[in-house]
Every structure is written in C-alpha cells, then in structure tokens.
C-alpha atoms as a PDB file:
ATOM      1  CA  MET A   1      -0.053  -0.092   0.091  1.00  0.00           C
ATOM      2  CA  SER A   2       1.548   3.332  -1.007  1.00  0.00           C
ATOM      3  CA  ARG A   3       1.295   6.290   1.084  1.00  0.00           C
ATOM      4  CA  PRO A   4      -0.374   9.332  -0.812  1.00  0.00           C
ATOM      5  CA  SER A   5       2.423  12.017  -1.483  1.00  0.00           C
ATOM      6  CA  LYS A   6       2.227  15.378   0.094  1.00  0.00           C
ATOM      7  CA  ARG A   7       2.877  18.040  -2.505  1.00  0.00           C
ATOM      8  CA  ARG A   8       3.967  21.353  -1.277  1.00  0.00           C
ATOM      9  CA  LEU A   9       2.855  24.535  -3.016  1.00  0.00           C
ATOM     10  CA  VAL A  10       5.892  26.507  -3.542  1.00  0.00           C
ATOM     11  CA  THR A  11       5.143  30.168  -4.124  1.00  0.00           C
ATOM     12  CA  SER A  12       7.590  32.928  -4.832  1.00  0.00           C
ATOM     13  CA  PRO A  13       8.958  35.088  -2.072  1.00  0.00           C
ATOM     14  CA  PRO A  14       6.928  38.456  -1.702  1.00  0.00           C
ATOM     15  CA  THR A  15       8.535  41.443  -3.682  1.00  0.00           C
ATOM     16  CA  PRO A  16      10.375  43.624  -1.233  1.00  0.00           C
ATOM     17  CA  LEU A  17       9.272  47.081  -0.498  1.00  0.00           C
ATOM     18  CA  SER A  18      11.185  49.879  -1.798  1.00  0.00           C
ATOM     19  CA  VAL A  19      13.810  51.673   0.354  1.00  0.00           C
ATOM     20  CA  SER A  20      11.727  54.871   0.387  1.00  0.00           C
ATOM     21  CA  THR A  21       8.853  52.961   2.194  1.00  0.00           C
ATOM     22  CA  TYR A  22      11.283  51.765   5.009  1.00  0.00           C
ATOM     23  CA  VAL A  23      12.627  55.264   5.229  1.00  0.00           C
ATOM     24  CA  GLU A  24       8.979  56.806   5.463  1.00  0.00           C
ATOM     25  CA  ASP A  25       8.202  54.279   8.367  1.00  0.00           C
ATOM     26  CA  GLY A  26      11.339  55.091  10.179  1.00  0.00           C
ATOM     27  CA  ALA A  27      10.407  58.763   9.797  1.00  0.00           C
ATOM     28  CA  ARG A  28       6.943  58.084  11.277  1.00  0.00           C
ATOM     29  CA  ILE A  29       8.332  56.148  14.107  1.00  0.00           C
ATOM     30  CA  ALA A  30      10.948  58.985  15.017  1.00  0.00           C
ATOM     31  CA  ALA A  31       7.985  61.508  14.720  1.00  0.00           C
ATOM     32  CA  ILE A  32       6.022  59.536  17.245  1.00  0.00           C
ATOM     33  CA  LEU A  33       8.863  59.162  19.610  1.00  0.00           C
ATOM     34  CA  LEU A  34       9.876  62.922  19.305  1.00  0.00           C
ATOM     35  CA  VAL A  35       6.379  64.096  19.893  1.00  0.00           C
ATOM     36  CA  TRP A  36       5.763  62.120  22.913  1.00  0.00           C
ATOM     37  CA  GLY A  37       9.165  62.727  24.043  1.00  0.00           C
ATOM     38  CA  ALA A  38       8.572  66.495  23.792  1.00  0.00           C
ATOM     39  CA  ILE A  39       5.354  66.064  25.848  1.00  0.00           C
ATOM     40  CA  ALA A  40       7.062  64.042  28.425  1.00  0.00           C
ATOM     41  CA  ALA A  41      10.052  66.693  28.746  1.00  0.00           C
ATOM     42  CA  VAL A  42       7.400  69.371  29.146  1.00  0.00           C
ATOM     43  CA  PHE A  43       5.692  67.557  31.966  1.00  0.00           C
ATOM     44  CA  ALA A  44       8.949  66.157  33.607  1.00  0.00           C
ATOM     45  CA  TYR A  45      10.987  69.468  33.434  1.00  0.00           C
ATOM     46  CA  GLY A  46       8.593  72.361  32.781  1.00  0.00           C
ATOM     47  CA  ILE A  47       5.509  71.395  35.089  1.00  0.00           C
ATOM     48  CA  GLY A  48       7.807  69.645  37.394  1.00  0.00           C
ATOM     49  CA  ASN A  49       9.630  72.972  38.344  1.00  0.00           C
ATOM     50  CA  VAL A  50       6.476  74.996  38.996  1.00  0.00           C
ATOM     51  CA  GLY A  51       6.080  75.758  42.530  1.00  0.00           C
ATOM     52  CA  GLY A  52       8.354  75.179  45.456  1.00  0.00           C
ATOM     53  CA  PRO A  53       9.371  72.139  47.223  1.00  0.00           C
ATOM     54  CA  GLY A  54       6.258  70.007  48.229  1.00  0.00           C
ATOM     55  CA  SER A  55       4.193  71.593  45.355  1.00  0.00           C
ATOM     56  CA  LEU A  56       1.558  69.349  43.702  1.00  0.00           C
ATOM     57  CA  PHE A  57       3.268  70.179  40.395  1.00  0.00           C
ATOM     58  CA  THR A  58       6.779  69.263  41.772  1.00  0.00           C
ATOM     59  CA  ALA A  59       5.453  65.874  42.923  1.00  0.00           C
ATOM     60  CA  ILE A  60       3.193  64.859  39.875  1.00  0.00           C
ATOM     61  CA  GLY A  61       5.150  66.445  37.060  1.00  0.00           C
ATOM     62  CA  PRO A  62       7.897  64.065  36.769  1.00  0.00           C
ATOM     63  CA  GLN A  63       5.475  61.103  37.128  1.00  0.00           C
ATOM     64  CA  LEU A  64       3.377  62.474  34.326  1.00  0.00           C
ATOM     65  CA  GLY A  65       6.572  62.915  32.192  1.00  0.00           C
ATOM     66  CA  ALA A  66       7.258  59.236  32.737  1.00  0.00           C
ATOM     67  CA  LEU A  67       3.989  58.277  31.975  1.00  0.00           C
ATOM     68  CA  PHE A  68       4.015  60.166  28.707  1.00  0.00           C
ATOM     69  CA  ALA A  69       7.436  58.799  27.810  1.00  0.00           C
ATOM     70  CA  LEU A  70       5.959  55.246  28.166  1.00  0.00           C
ATOM     71  CA  THR A  71       2.942  56.112  26.341  1.00  0.00           C
ATOM     72  CA  GLY A  72       4.938  57.293  23.255  1.00  0.00           C
ATOM     73  CA  LEU A  73       7.175  54.033  23.376  1.00  0.00           C
ATOM     74  CA  LEU A  74       4.053  51.967  23.468  1.00  0.00           C
ATOM     75  CA  ASN A  75       2.623  53.997  20.788  1.00  0.00           C
ATOM     76  CA  ALA A  76       5.545  53.357  18.384  1.00  0.00           C
ATOM     77  CA  VAL A  77       5.621  49.621  19.347  1.00  0.00           C
ATOM     78  CA  LEU A  78       1.669  49.540  18.471  1.00  0.00           C
ATOM     79  CA  TYR A  79       2.695  51.216  15.079  1.00  0.00           C
ATOM     80  CA  LEU A  80       5.281  48.483  14.366  1.00  0.00           C
ATOM     81  CA  LEU A  81       2.663  45.848  15.166  1.00  0.00           C
ATOM     82  CA  TYR A  82       0.323  47.498  12.668  1.00  0.00           C
ATOM     83  CA  ARG A  83       2.928  47.514   9.952  1.00  0.00           C
ATOM     84  CA  THR A  84       3.807  43.979  10.691  1.00  0.00           C
ATOM     85  CA  VAL A  85       0.352  42.913  10.312  1.00  0.00           C
ATOM     86  CA  ASP A  86      -0.221  44.849   7.297  1.00  0.00           C
ATOM     87  CA  TYR A  87       2.739  43.480   5.523  1.00  0.00           C
ATOM     88  CA  TRP A  88       1.664  39.875   6.243  1.00  0.00           C
ATOM     89  CA  GLN A  89      -1.881  40.432   5.039  1.00  0.00           C
ATOM     90  CA  ARG A  90      -0.207  41.697   1.652  1.00  0.00           C
ATOM     91  CA  VAL A  91       1.910  38.837   1.545  1.00  0.00           C
ATOM     92  CA  ALA A  92      -1.027  36.388   2.069  1.00  0.00           C
ATOM     93  CA  ALA A  93      -3.188  38.023  -0.418  1.00  0.00           C
END
C-alpha cells in the first residue's frame, strides 16, 4: 500500500518594499517618539519645576513625564505591530 504524497505548494517570495517605504516608516516612528518625548519633557522638566518644594506640580510633573514617555514608546511599538500585520496580510493576499 503506497502512501499518498504530500505536495507542497511552492510560492515565490514576496516582492520587497522599496527603500523609500522603509525610510518613511522610520521617519514616522521617529516622529511619534519625538512628539511624545517633547510632551514628556514638558511635564517632567517644565511642569515639574512649577512651585516650590512640596508643591503638587513638583510632585506630579515627573510622574506625568514618565507616563507620557512610556505612552510614546508603546505607541511606537503599536505602530510597528500594525505595519507587521499589514505586511503579512499583503503577503497572504
């Protein structure tokens, strides 16, 4: 009794994206990090220096700055995940 052969469907690799597409994505990621970094710096160093010692702004400014920096980092990671899913959906189509 012979076993049925499993034939693999060989497809060609996906066409690579142009270099300009990768540069544009890199610029978008840099812009995301720059904007959120600027917001974080304003809160950490600008708002954090308002008032004297024990002031609410002095206490909460650095924490808000760290929160906005983390938000920016997570936003960049989310963008990378979006682009990865988009790429693999185009490959599968």
